[in-house]
């Protein structure tokens, strides 16, 4: 980062695993908050993916009501996130990547 500063490049690291409070998560704001943060970083997006797929509804487990609430809130809260309504079988991480790479302007199908 110091060599970037010397070149006049300002770099801000965004880690989507941090910054969501327990209250925000419990009230269903996770997806909307993460996708807004990805939009804020546009047109730049670098994903460093580990071994986890991310928070998703597992077909072998009971229905995750908080995840459903999180999808519902994002879809209803921001028209540019309407596309995720048909992506409920995907993980939040996959949605973040799609937002950052394929939907840079914040919308579209």
PDB file of N, CA and C in Angstrom:
ATOM      1  N   UNK A   1       0.809  -1.196   0.000  1.00  0.00           N
ATOM      2  CA  UNK A   1       0.000   0.000   0.000  1.00  0.00           C
ATOM      3  C   UNK A   1       0.857   1.267   0.000  1.00  0.00           C
ATOM      4  N   UNK A   2       1.990   1.322   0.707  1.00  0.00           N
ATOM      5  CA  UNK A   2       2.799   2.550   0.657  1.00  0.00           C
ATOM      6  C   UNK A   2       3.244   2.921  -0.755  1.00  0.00           C
ATOM      7  N   UNK A   3       3.593   1.920  -1.584  1.00  0.00           N
ATOM      8  CA  UNK A   3       4.011   2.243  -2.946  1.00  0.00           C
ATOM      9  C   UNK A   3       2.840   2.781  -3.767  1.00  0.00           C
ATOM     10  N   UNK A   4       1.628   2.372  -3.462  1.00  0.00           N
ATOM     11  CA  UNK A   4       0.461   2.927  -4.143  1.00  0.00           C
ATOM     12  C   UNK A   4       0.270   4.390  -3.770  1.00  0.00           C
ATOM     13  N   UNK A   5       0.420   4.687  -2.484  1.00  0.00           N
ATOM     14  CA  UNK A   5       0.291   6.069  -2.019  1.00  0.00           C
ATOM     15  C   UNK A   5       1.287   6.976  -2.721  1.00  0.00           C
ATOM     16  N   UNK A   6       2.495   6.475  -2.910  1.00  0.00           N
ATOM     17  CA  UNK A   6       3.529   7.258  -3.601  1.00  0.00           C
ATOM     18  C   UNK A   6       3.134   7.564  -5.044  1.00  0.00           C
ATOM     19  N   UNK A   7       2.296   6.716  -5.618  1.00  0.00           N
ATOM     20  CA  UNK A   7       1.857   6.895  -7.009  1.00  0.00           C
ATOM     21  C   UNK A   7       0.516   7.628  -7.088  1.00  0.00           C
ATOM     22  N   UNK A   8       0.008   8.073  -5.948  1.00  0.00           N
ATOM     23  CA  UNK A   8      -1.259   8.792  -5.940  1.00  0.00           C
ATOM     24  C   UNK A   8      -2.477   7.904  -6.068  1.00  0.00           C
ATOM     25  N   UNK A   9      -2.322   6.615  -5.764  1.00  0.00           N
ATOM     26  CA  UNK A   9      -3.434   5.672  -5.831  1.00  0.00           C
ATOM     27  C   UNK A   9      -3.929   5.430  -4.412  1.00  0.00           C
ATOM     28  N   UNK A  10      -5.224   5.640  -4.209  1.00  0.00           N
ATOM     29  CA  UNK A  10      -5.827   5.424  -2.896  1.00  0.00           C
ATOM     30  C   UNK A  10      -6.544   4.075  -2.903  1.00  0.00           C
ATOM     31  N   UNK A  11      -6.131   3.176  -2.039  1.00  0.00           N
ATOM     32  CA  UNK A  11      -6.697   1.840  -1.968  1.00  0.00           C
ATOM     33  C   UNK A  11      -7.372   1.653  -0.624  1.00  0.00           C
ATOM     34  N   UNK A  12      -8.615   1.210  -0.658  1.00  0.00           N
ATOM     35  CA  UNK A  12      -9.368   0.917   0.558  1.00  0.00           C
ATOM     36  C   UNK A  12      -9.770  -0.553   0.504  1.00  0.00           C
ATOM     37  N   UNK A  13      -9.408  -1.295   1.517  1.00  0.00           N
ATOM     38  CA  UNK A  13      -9.770  -2.704   1.590  1.00  0.00           C
ATOM     39  C   UNK A  13     -11.177  -2.824   2.160  1.00  0.00           C
ATOM     40  N   UNK A  14     -11.990  -3.643   1.522  1.00  0.00           N
ATOM     41  CA  UNK A  14     -13.351  -3.900   1.986  1.00  0.00           C
ATOM     42  C   UNK A  14     -13.469  -5.396   2.212  1.00  0.00           C
ATOM     43  N   UNK A  15     -13.761  -5.773   3.430  1.00  0.00           N
ATOM     44  CA  UNK A  15     -13.947  -7.185   3.753  1.00  0.00           C
ATOM     45  C   UNK A  15     -15.410  -7.353   4.135  1.00  0.00           C
ATOM     46  N   UNK A  16     -16.177  -8.010   3.281  1.00  0.00           N
ATOM     47  CA  UNK A  16     -17.617  -8.129   3.500  1.00  0.00           C
ATOM     48  C   UNK A  16     -17.969  -9.069   4.651  1.00  0.00           C
ATOM     49  N   UNK A  17     -16.985  -9.740   5.220  1.00  0.00           N
ATOM     50  CA  UNK A  17     -17.260 -10.586   6.390  1.00  0.00           C
ATOM     51  C   UNK A  17     -17.384  -9.744   7.643  1.00  0.00           C
ATOM     52  N   UNK A  18     -16.847  -8.543   7.613  1.00  0.00           N
ATOM     53  CA  UNK A  18     -16.867  -7.657   8.774  1.00  0.00           C
ATOM     54  C   UNK A  18     -17.784  -6.486   8.481  1.00  0.00           C
ATOM     55  N   UNK A  19     -18.226  -5.822   9.487  1.00  0.00           N
ATOM     56  CA  UNK A  19     -19.014  -4.612   9.297  1.00  0.00           C
ATOM     57  C   UNK A  19     -20.507  -4.805   9.439  1.00  0.00           C
ATOM     58  N   UNK A  20     -20.984  -6.017   9.363  1.00  0.00           N
ATOM     59  CA  UNK A  20     -22.403  -6.283   9.587  1.00  0.00           C
ATOM     60  C   UNK A  20     -22.566  -6.615  11.062  1.00  0.00           C
ATOM     61  N   UNK A  21     -23.311  -5.786  11.756  1.00  0.00           N
ATOM     62  CA  UNK A  21     -23.505  -6.017  13.189  1.00  0.00           C
ATOM     63  C   UNK A  21     -24.489  -7.164  13.412  1.00  0.00           C
ATOM     64  N   UNK A  22     -24.515  -7.674  14.611  1.00  0.00           N
ATOM     65  CA  UNK A  22     -25.466  -8.724  14.960  1.00  0.00           C
ATOM     66  C   UNK A  22     -26.901  -8.263  14.792  1.00  0.00           C
ATOM     67  N   UNK A  23     -27.171  -7.009  15.146  1.00  0.00           N
ATOM     68  CA  UNK A  23     -28.525  -6.459  14.995  1.00  0.00           C
ATOM     69  C   UNK A  23     -28.921  -6.357  13.521  1.00  0.00           C
ATOM     70  N   UNK A  24     -27.979  -5.907  12.671  1.00  0.00           N
ATOM     71  CA  UNK A  24     -28.259  -5.806  11.233  1.00  0.00           C
ATOM     72  C   UNK A  24     -28.523  -7.189  10.652  1.00  0.00           C
ATOM     73  N   UNK A  25     -27.733  -8.147  11.049  1.00  0.00           N
ATOM     74  CA  UNK A  25     -27.912  -9.504  10.561  1.00  0.00           C
ATOM     75  C   UNK A  25     -29.258 -10.065  11.007  1.00  0.00           C
ATOM     76  N   UNK A  26     -29.576  -9.896  12.279  1.00  0.00           N
ATOM     77  CA  UNK A  26     -30.828 -10.428  12.823  1.00  0.00           C
ATOM     78  C   UNK A  26     -32.056  -9.775  12.189  1.00  0.00           C
ATOM     79  N   UNK A  27     -31.915  -8.528  11.740  1.00  0.00           N
ATOM     80  CA  UNK A  27     -33.058  -7.840  11.130  1.00  0.00           C
ATOM     81  C   UNK A  27     -33.120  -8.050   9.617  1.00  0.00           C
ATOM     82  N   UNK A  28     -32.217  -8.868   9.075  1.00  0.00           N
ATOM     83  CA  UNK A  28     -32.286  -9.242   7.671  1.00  0.00           C
ATOM     84  C   UNK A  28     -31.598  -8.291   6.716  1.00  0.00           C
ATOM     85  N   UNK A  29     -30.652  -7.514   7.171  1.00  0.00           N
ATOM     86  CA  UNK A  29     -30.011  -6.506   6.325  1.00  0.00           C
ATOM     87  C   UNK A  29     -28.722  -6.972   5.651  1.00  0.00           C
ATOM     88  N   UNK A  30     -28.323  -8.196   5.850  1.00  0.00           N
ATOM     89  CA  UNK A  30     -27.031  -8.669   5.367  1.00  0.00           C
ATOM     90  C   UNK A  30     -26.850  -8.528   3.859  1.00  0.00           C
ATOM     91  N   UNK A  31     -27.763  -9.080   3.059  1.00  0.00           N
ATOM     92  CA  UNK A  31     -27.588  -9.052   1.602  1.00  0.00           C
ATOM     93  C   UNK A  31     -27.609  -7.626   1.085  1.00  0.00           C
ATOM     94  N   UNK A  32     -28.581  -6.835   1.496  1.00  0.00           N
ATOM     95  CA  UNK A  32     -28.678  -5.455   1.012  1.00  0.00           C
ATOM     96  C   UNK A  32     -27.420  -4.671   1.364  1.00  0.00           C
ATOM     97  N   UNK A  33     -26.937  -4.805   2.587  1.00  0.00           N
ATOM     98  CA  UNK A  33     -25.738  -4.067   3.008  1.00  0.00           C
ATOM     99  C   UNK A  33     -24.514  -4.494   2.198  1.00  0.00           C
ATOM    100  N   UNK A  34     -24.351  -5.785   1.985  1.00  0.00           N
ATOM    101  CA  UNK A  34     -23.184  -6.269   1.233  1.00  0.00           C
ATOM    102  C   UNK A  34     -23.248  -5.860  -0.231  1.00  0.00           C
ATOM    103  N   UNK A  35     -24.419  -5.974  -0.856  1.00  0.00           N
ATOM    104  CA  UNK A  35     -24.529  -5.597  -2.258  1.00  0.00           C
ATOM    105  C   UNK A  35     -24.349  -4.091  -2.440  1.00  0.00           C
ATOM    106  N   UNK A  36     -24.833  -3.294  -1.498  1.00  0.00           N
ATOM    107  CA  UNK A  36     -24.612  -1.840  -1.564  1.00  0.00           C
ATOM    108  C   UNK A  36     -23.124  -1.518  -1.476  1.00  0.00           C
ATOM    109  N   UNK A  37     -22.418  -2.243  -0.627  1.00  0.00           N
ATOM    110  CA  UNK A  37     -20.978  -2.011  -0.490  1.00  0.00           C
ATOM    111  C   UNK A  37     -20.243  -2.386  -1.775  1.00  0.00           C
ATOM    112  N   UNK A  38     -20.648  -3.477  -2.399  1.00  0.00           N
ATOM    113  CA  UNK A  38     -20.048  -3.862  -3.679  1.00  0.00           C
ATOM    114  C   UNK A  38     -20.341  -2.787  -4.722  1.00  0.00           C
ATOM    115  N   UNK A  39     -21.574  -2.286  -4.769  1.00  0.00           N
ATOM    116  CA  UNK A  39     -21.916  -1.203  -5.700  1.00  0.00           C
ATOM    117  C   UNK A  39     -21.039   0.020  -5.455  1.00  0.00           C
ATOM    118  N   UNK A  40     -20.823   0.345  -4.185  1.00  0.00           N
ATOM    119  CA  UNK A  40     -20.045   1.523  -3.820  1.00  0.00           C
ATOM    120  C   UNK A  40     -18.613   1.422  -4.356  1.00  0.00           C
ATOM    121  N   UNK A  41     -18.099   0.222  -4.450  1.00  0.00           N
ATOM    122  CA  UNK A  41     -16.731   0.011  -4.910  1.00  0.00           C
ATOM    123  C   UNK A  41     -16.608  -0.002  -6.438  1.00  0.00           C
ATOM    124  N   UNK A  42     -17.710  -0.073  -7.134  1.00  0.00           N
ATOM    125  CA  UNK A  42     -17.696  -0.160  -8.592  1.00  0.00           C
ATOM    126  C   UNK A  42     -16.969   1.031  -9.205  1.00  0.00           C
ATOM    127  N   UNK A  43     -16.187   0.798 -10.243  1.00  0.00           N
ATOM    128  CA  UNK A  43     -16.124  -0.380 -11.098  1.00  0.00           C
ATOM    129  C   UNK A  43     -15.048  -1.374 -10.677  1.00  0.00           C
ATOM    130  N   UNK A  44     -14.496  -1.219  -9.504  1.00  0.00           N
ATOM    131  CA  UNK A  44     -13.400  -2.086  -9.075  1.00  0.00           C
ATOM    132  C   UNK A  44     -13.921  -3.189  -8.171  1.00  0.00           C
ATOM    133  N   UNK A  45     -13.473  -4.399  -8.439  1.00  0.00           N
ATOM    134  CA  UNK A  45     -13.894  -5.537  -7.625  1.00  0.00           C
ATOM    135  C   UNK A  45     -12.819  -6.613  -7.711  1.00  0.00           C
ATOM    136  N   UNK A  46     -12.291  -6.982  -6.581  1.00  0.00           N
ATOM    137  CA  UNK A  46     -11.319  -8.067  -6.497  1.00  0.00           C
ATOM    138  C   UNK A  46     -11.844  -9.032  -5.443  1.00  0.00           C
ATOM    139  N   UNK A  47     -12.033 -10.261  -5.831  1.00  0.00           N
ATOM    140  CA  UNK A  47     -12.559 -11.268  -4.916  1.00  0.00           C
ATOM    141  C   UNK A  47     -11.454 -12.235  -4.539  1.00  0.00           C
ATOM    142  N   UNK A  48     -11.263 -12.406  -3.255  1.00  0.00           N
ATOM    143  CA  UNK A  48     -10.320 -13.408  -2.749  1.00  0.00           C
ATOM    144  C   UNK A  48     -11.164 -14.452  -2.032  1.00  0.00           C
ATOM    145  N   UNK A  49     -11.367 -15.554  -2.699  1.00  0.00           N
ATOM    146  CA  UNK A  49     -12.295 -16.574  -2.238  1.00  0.00           C
ATOM    147  C   UNK A  49     -11.555 -17.717  -1.560  1.00  0.00           C
ATOM    148  N   UNK A  50     -12.065 -18.129  -0.430  1.00  0.00           N
ATOM    149  CA  UNK A  50     -11.472 -19.238   0.301  1.00  0.00           C
ATOM    150  C   UNK A  50     -12.204 -20.536   0.020  1.00  0.00           C
ATOM    151  N   UNK A  51     -12.312 -21.362   1.016  1.00  0.00           N
ATOM    152  CA  UNK A  51     -12.891 -22.693   0.839  1.00  0.00           C
ATOM    153  C   UNK A  51     -14.393 -22.757   1.122  1.00  0.00           C
ATOM    154  N   UNK A  52     -14.997 -21.636   1.536  1.00  0.00           N
ATOM    155  CA  UNK A  52     -16.434 -21.633   1.842  1.00  0.00           C
ATOM    156  C   UNK A  52     -17.253 -21.104   0.672  1.00  0.00           C
ATOM    157  N   UNK A  53     -18.427 -21.649   0.483  1.00  0.00           N
ATOM    158  CA  UNK A  53     -19.347 -21.176  -0.548  1.00  0.00           C
ATOM    159  C   UNK A  53     -20.123 -19.970  -0.049  1.00  0.00           C
ATOM    160  N   UNK A  54     -20.250 -19.839   1.244  1.00  0.00           N
ATOM    161  CA  UNK A  54     -20.987 -18.717   1.813  1.00  0.00           C
ATOM    162  C   UNK A  54     -22.337 -19.148   2.351  1.00  0.00           C
ATOM    163  N   UNK A  55     -23.049 -18.183   2.915  1.00  0.00           N
ATOM    164  CA  UNK A  55     -24.353 -18.419   3.531  1.00  0.00           C
ATOM    165  C   UNK A  55     -25.360 -18.735   2.435  1.00  0.00           C
ATOM    166  N   UNK A  56     -25.949 -19.920   2.499  1.00  0.00           N
ATOM    167  CA  UNK A  56     -26.915 -20.352   1.484  1.00  0.00           C
ATOM    168  C   UNK A  56     -27.892 -21.330   2.113  1.00  0.00           C
ATOM    169  N   UNK A  57     -29.037 -21.463   1.469  1.00  0.00           N
ATOM    170  CA  UNK A  57     -30.019 -22.447   1.905  1.00  0.00           C
ATOM    171  C   UNK A  57     -29.561 -23.817   1.440  1.00  0.00           C
ATOM    172  N   UNK A  58     -29.303 -24.692   2.370  1.00  0.00           N
ATOM    173  CA  UNK A  58     -28.898 -26.052   2.059  1.00  0.00           C
ATOM    174  C   UNK A  58     -30.159 -26.906   1.953  1.00  0.00           C
ATOM    175  N   UNK A  59     -30.310 -27.578   0.838  1.00  0.00           N
ATOM    176  CA  UNK A  59     -31.505 -28.396   0.597  1.00  0.00           C
ATOM    177  C   UNK A  59     -31.661 -29.502   1.626  1.00  0.00           C
ATOM    178  N   UNK A  60     -30.573 -29.917   2.276  1.00  0.00           N
ATOM    179  CA  UNK A  60     -30.623 -31.007   3.244  1.00  0.00           C
ATOM    180  C   UNK A  60     -30.918 -30.533   4.662  1.00  0.00           C
ATOM    181  N   UNK A  61     -31.105 -29.233   4.844  1.00  0.00           N
ATOM    182  CA  UNK A  61     -31.330 -28.676   6.183  1.00  0.00           C
ATOM    183  C   UNK A  61     -32.689 -27.996   6.247  1.00  0.00           C
ATOM    184  N   UNK A  62     -33.186 -27.765   7.459  1.00  0.00           N
ATOM    185  CA  UNK A  62     -34.457 -27.048   7.591  1.00  0.00           C
ATOM    186  C   UNK A  62     -34.371 -25.659   6.943  1.00  0.00           C
ATOM    187  N   UNK A  63     -35.537 -25.154   6.538  1.00  0.00           N
ATOM    188  CA  UNK A  63     -35.624 -23.851   5.886  1.00  0.00           C
ATOM    189  C   UNK A  63     -35.006 -22.768   6.776  1.00  0.00           C
ATOM    190  N   UNK A  64     -34.156 -21.940   6.204  1.00  0.00           N
ATOM    191  CA  UNK A  64     -33.484 -20.850   6.920  1.00  0.00           C
ATOM    192  C   UNK A  64     -34.342 -19.589   6.802  1.00  0.00           C
ATOM    193  N   UNK A  65     -35.135 -19.333   7.820  1.00  0.00           N
ATOM    194  CA  UNK A  65     -36.054 -18.190   7.779  1.00  0.00           C
ATOM    195  C   UNK A  65     -35.331 -16.854   7.770  1.00  0.00           C
ATOM    196  N   UNK A  66     -34.191 -16.765   8.446  1.00  0.00           N
ATOM    197  CA  UNK A  66     -33.449 -15.507   8.437  1.00  0.00           C
ATOM    198  C   UNK A  66     -32.892 -15.216   7.040  1.00  0.00           C
ATOM    199  N   UNK A  67     -32.425 -16.238   6.342  1.00  0.00           N
ATOM    200  CA  UNK A  67     -31.926 -16.040   4.990  1.00  0.00           C
ATOM    201  C   UNK A  67     -33.066 -15.583   4.071  1.00  0.00           C
ATOM    202  N   UNK A  68     -34.236 -16.188   4.198  1.00  0.00           N
ATOM    203  CA  UNK A  68     -35.400 -15.764   3.413  1.00  0.00           C
ATOM    204  C   UNK A  68     -35.746 -14.311   3.714  1.00  0.00           C
ATOM    205  N   UNK A  69     -35.730 -13.937   4.977  1.00  0.00           N
ATOM    206  CA  UNK A  69     -36.002 -12.557   5.379  1.00  0.00           C
ATOM    207  C   UNK A  69     -34.975 -11.609   4.765  1.00  0.00           C
ATOM    208  N   UNK A  70     -33.726 -12.036   4.727  1.00  0.00           N
ATOM    209  CA  UNK A  70     -32.643 -11.228   4.182  1.00  0.00           C
ATOM    210  C   UNK A  70     -32.828 -11.009   2.672  1.00  0.00           C
ATOM    211  N   UNK A  71     -33.212 -12.060   1.961  1.00  0.00           N
ATOM    212  CA  UNK A  71     -33.520 -11.919   0.527  1.00  0.00           C
ATOM    213  C   UNK A  71     -34.707 -10.974   0.342  1.00  0.00           C
ATOM    214  N   UNK A  72     -35.792 -11.205   1.094  1.00  0.00           N
ATOM    215  CA  UNK A  72     -37.004 -10.396   0.959  1.00  0.00           C
ATOM    216  C   UNK A  72     -36.721  -8.916   1.188  1.00  0.00           C
ATOM    217  N   UNK A  73     -35.961  -8.611   2.224  1.00  0.00           N
ATOM    218  CA  UNK A  73     -35.660  -7.214   2.537  1.00  0.00           C
ATOM    219  C   UNK A  73     -34.857  -6.563   1.413  1.00  0.00           C
ATOM    220  N   UNK A  74     -33.861  -7.252   0.892  1.00  0.00           N
ATOM    221  CA  UNK A  74     -33.033  -6.686  -0.179  1.00  0.00           C
ATOM    222  C   UNK A  74     -33.861  -6.448  -1.444  1.00  0.00           C
ATOM    223  N   UNK A  75     -34.690  -7.415  -1.816  1.00  0.00           N
ATOM    224  CA  UNK A  75     -35.517  -7.298  -3.024  1.00  0.00           C
ATOM    225  C   UNK A  75     -36.504  -6.142  -2.889  1.00  0.00           C
ATOM    226  N   UNK A  76     -37.115  -6.013  -1.729  1.00  0.00           N
ATOM    227  CA  UNK A  76     -38.135  -4.981  -1.516  1.00  0.00           C
ATOM    228  C   UNK A  76     -37.543  -3.615  -1.207  1.00  0.00           C
ATOM    229  N   UNK A  77     -36.308  -3.583  -0.720  1.00  0.00           N
ATOM    230  CA  UNK A  77     -35.680  -2.338  -0.279  1.00  0.00           C
ATOM    231  C   UNK A  77     -35.047  -1.554  -1.419  1.00  0.00           C
ATOM    232  N   UNK A  78     -34.548  -2.243  -2.431  1.00  0.00           N
ATOM    233  CA  UNK A  78     -33.789  -1.573  -3.491  1.00  0.00           C
ATOM    234  C   UNK A  78     -34.130  -2.206  -4.836  1.00  0.00           C
ATOM    235  N   UNK A  79     -34.758  -1.449  -5.738  1.00  0.00           N
ATOM    236  CA  UNK A  79     -35.140  -2.010  -7.040  1.00  0.00           C
ATOM    237  C   UNK A  79     -33.963  -2.582  -7.836  1.00  0.00           C
ATOM    238  N   UNK A  80     -32.753  -2.061  -7.606  1.00  0.00           N
ATOM    239  CA  UNK A  80     -31.604  -2.579  -8.360  1.00  0.00           C
ATOM    240  C   UNK A  80     -31.201  -3.980  -7.903  1.00  0.00           C
ATOM    241  N   UNK A  81     -31.794  -4.455  -6.807  1.00  0.00           N
ATOM    242  CA  UNK A  81     -31.507  -5.811  -6.328  1.00  0.00           C
ATOM    243  C   UNK A  81     -32.621  -6.802  -6.666  1.00  0.00           C
ATOM    244  N   UNK A  82     -33.565  -6.404  -7.508  1.00  0.00           N
ATOM    245  CA  UNK A  82     -34.683  -7.289  -7.862  1.00  0.00           C
ATOM    246  C   UNK A  82     -34.203  -8.597  -8.476  1.00  0.00           C
ATOM    247  N   UNK A  83     -33.053  -8.563  -9.142  1.00  0.00           N
ATOM    248  CA  UNK A  83     -32.516  -9.760  -9.810  1.00  0.00           C
ATOM    249  C   UNK A  83     -32.248 -10.909  -8.849  1.00  0.00           C
ATOM    250  N   UNK A  84     -31.994 -10.608  -7.570  1.00  0.00           N
ATOM    251  CA  UNK A  84     -31.672 -11.692  -6.632  1.00  0.00           C
ATOM    252  C   UNK A  84     -32.896 -12.514  -6.258  1.00  0.00           C
ATOM    253  N   UNK A  85     -34.093 -12.005  -6.555  1.00  0.00           N
ATOM    254  CA  UNK A  85     -35.311 -12.745  -6.226  1.00  0.00           C
ATOM    255  C   UNK A  85     -35.331 -14.109  -6.911  1.00  0.00           C
ATOM    256  N   UNK A  86     -34.661 -14.207  -8.050  1.00  0.00           N
ATOM    257  CA  UNK A  86     -34.598 -15.474  -8.788  1.00  0.00           C
ATOM    258  C   UNK A  86     -33.283 -16.202  -8.552  1.00  0.00           C
ATOM    259  N   UNK A  87     -32.567 -15.783  -7.524  1.00  0.00           N
ATOM    260  CA  UNK A  87     -31.257 -16.376  -7.216  1.00  0.00           C
ATOM    261  C   UNK A  87     -31.230 -16.925  -5.778  1.00  0.00           C
ATOM    262  N   UNK A  88     -32.354 -17.255  -5.234  1.00  0.00           N
ATOM    263  CA  UNK A  88     -32.446 -17.654  -3.821  1.00  0.00           C
ATOM    264  C   UNK A  88     -31.748 -18.967  -3.518  1.00  0.00           C
ATOM    265  N   UNK A  89     -31.380 -19.700  -4.549  1.00  0.00           N
ATOM    266  CA  UNK A  89     -30.641 -20.947  -4.348  1.00  0.00           C
ATOM    267  C   UNK A  89     -29.135 -20.708  -4.323  1.00  0.00           C
ATOM    268  N   UNK A  90     -28.715 -19.461  -4.433  1.00  0.00           N
ATOM    269  CA  UNK A  90     -27.302 -19.099  -4.457  1.00  0.00           C
ATOM    270  C   UNK A  90     -26.860 -18.602  -3.093  1.00  0.00           C
ATOM    271  N   UNK A  91     -25.565 -18.615  -2.852  1.00  0.00           N
ATOM    272  CA  UNK A  91     -25.053 -18.101  -1.582  1.00  0.00           C
ATOM    273  C   UNK A  91     -24.933 -16.586  -1.648  1.00  0.00           C
ATOM    274  N   UNK A  92     -24.887 -15.966  -0.488  1.00  0.00           N
ATOM    275  CA  UNK A  92     -24.684 -14.524  -0.416  1.00  0.00           C
ATOM    276  C   UNK A  92     -23.354 -14.170  -1.087  1.00  0.00           C
ATOM    277  N   UNK A  93     -22.337 -14.991  -0.899  1.00  0.00           N
ATOM    278  CA  UNK A  93     -21.040 -14.756  -1.525  1.00  0.00           C
ATOM    279  C   UNK A  93     -21.158 -14.753  -3.047  1.00  0.00           C
ATOM    280  N   UNK A  94     -21.903 -15.695  -3.601  1.00  0.00           N
ATOM    281  CA  UNK A  94     -22.086 -15.731  -5.044  1.00  0.00           C
ATOM    282  C   UNK A  94     -22.815 -14.481  -5.541  1.00  0.00           C
ATOM    283  N   UNK A  95     -23.798 -14.011  -4.776  1.00  0.00           N
ATOM    284  CA  UNK A  95     -24.507 -12.783  -5.149  1.00  0.00           C
ATOM    285  C   UNK A  95     -23.558 -11.589  -5.160  1.00  0.00           C
ATOM    286  N   UNK A  96     -22.680 -11.521  -4.174  1.00  0.00           N
ATOM    287  CA  UNK A  96     -21.703 -10.427  -4.104  1.00  0.00           C
ATOM    288  C   UNK A  96     -20.790 -10.439  -5.328  1.00  0.00           C
ATOM    289  N   UNK A  97     -20.345 -11.622  -5.702  1.00  0.00           N
ATOM    290  CA  UNK A  97     -19.463 -11.750  -6.868  1.00  0.00           C
ATOM    291  C   UNK A  97     -20.214 -11.359  -8.138  1.00  0.00           C
ATOM    292  N   UNK A  98     -21.440 -11.827  -8.282  1.00  0.00           N
ATOM    293  CA  UNK A  98     -22.218 -11.463  -9.466  1.00  0.00           C
ATOM    294  C   UNK A  98     -22.438  -9.948  -9.517  1.00  0.00           C
ATOM    295  N   UNK A  99     -22.745  -9.351  -8.381  1.00  0.00           N
ATOM    296  CA  UNK A  99     -22.931  -7.897  -8.329  1.00  0.00           C
ATOM    297  C   UNK A  99     -21.655  -7.175  -8.750  1.00  0.00           C
ATOM    298  N   UNK A 100     -20.522  -7.639  -8.271  1.00  0.00           N
ATOM    299  CA  UNK A 100     -19.266  -6.966  -8.543  1.00  0.00           C
ATOM    300  C   UNK A 100     -18.730  -7.159  -9.941  1.00  0.00           C
ATOM    301  N   UNK A 101     -19.025  -8.298 -10.550  1.00  0.00           N
ATOM    302  CA  UNK A 101     -18.438  -8.628 -11.840  1.00  0.00           C
ATOM    303  C   UNK A 101     -19.421  -8.447 -12.998  1.00  0.00           C
ATOM    304  N   UNK A 102     -20.644  -8.905 -12.830  1.00  0.00           N
ATOM    305  CA  UNK A 102     -21.586  -8.923 -13.935  1.00  0.00           C
ATOM    306  C   UNK A 102     -22.607  -7.794 -13.928  1.00  0.00           C
ATOM    307  N   UNK A 103     -22.772  -7.159 -12.779  1.00  0.00           N
ATOM    308  CA  UNK A 103     -23.798  -6.124 -12.662  1.00  0.00           C
ATOM    309  C   UNK A 103     -23.201  -4.824 -12.148  1.00  0.00           C
ATOM    310  N   UNK A 104     -22.121  -4.435 -12.722  1.00  0.00           N
ATOM    311  CA  UNK A 104     -21.348  -3.292 -12.244  1.00  0.00           C
ATOM    312  C   UNK A 104     -22.140  -2.005 -12.105  1.00  0.00           C
ATOM    313  N   UNK A 105     -23.119  -1.775 -12.953  1.00  0.00           N
ATOM    314  CA  UNK A 105     -23.869  -0.528 -12.890  1.00  0.00           C
ATOM    315  C   UNK A 105     -24.947  -0.582 -11.813  1.00  0.00           C
ATOM    316  N   UNK A 106     -25.129  -1.748 -11.201  1.00  0.00           N
ATOM    317  CA  UNK A 106     -26.080  -1.862 -10.110  1.00  0.00           C
ATOM    318  C   UNK A 106     -27.437  -2.410 -10.508  1.00  0.00           C
ATOM    319  N   UNK A 107     -27.670  -2.757 -11.725  1.00  0.00           N
ATOM    320  CA  UNK A 107     -28.978  -3.270 -12.115  1.00  0.00           C
ATOM    321  C   UNK A 107     -28.889  -4.212 -13.282  1.00  0.00           C
ATOM    322  N   UNK A 108     -29.982  -4.342 -13.969  1.00  0.00           N
ATOM    323  CA  UNK A 108     -30.019  -5.182 -15.165  1.00  0.00           C
ATOM    324  C   UNK A 108     -30.236  -6.633 -14.831  1.00  0.00           C
ATOM    325  N   UNK A 109     -30.617  -7.381 -15.853  1.00  0.00           N
ATOM    326  CA  UNK A 109     -30.830  -8.820 -15.664  1.00  0.00           C
ATOM    327  C   UNK A 109     -29.875  -9.625 -16.487  1.00  0.00           C
TER     328      UNK A 109
END
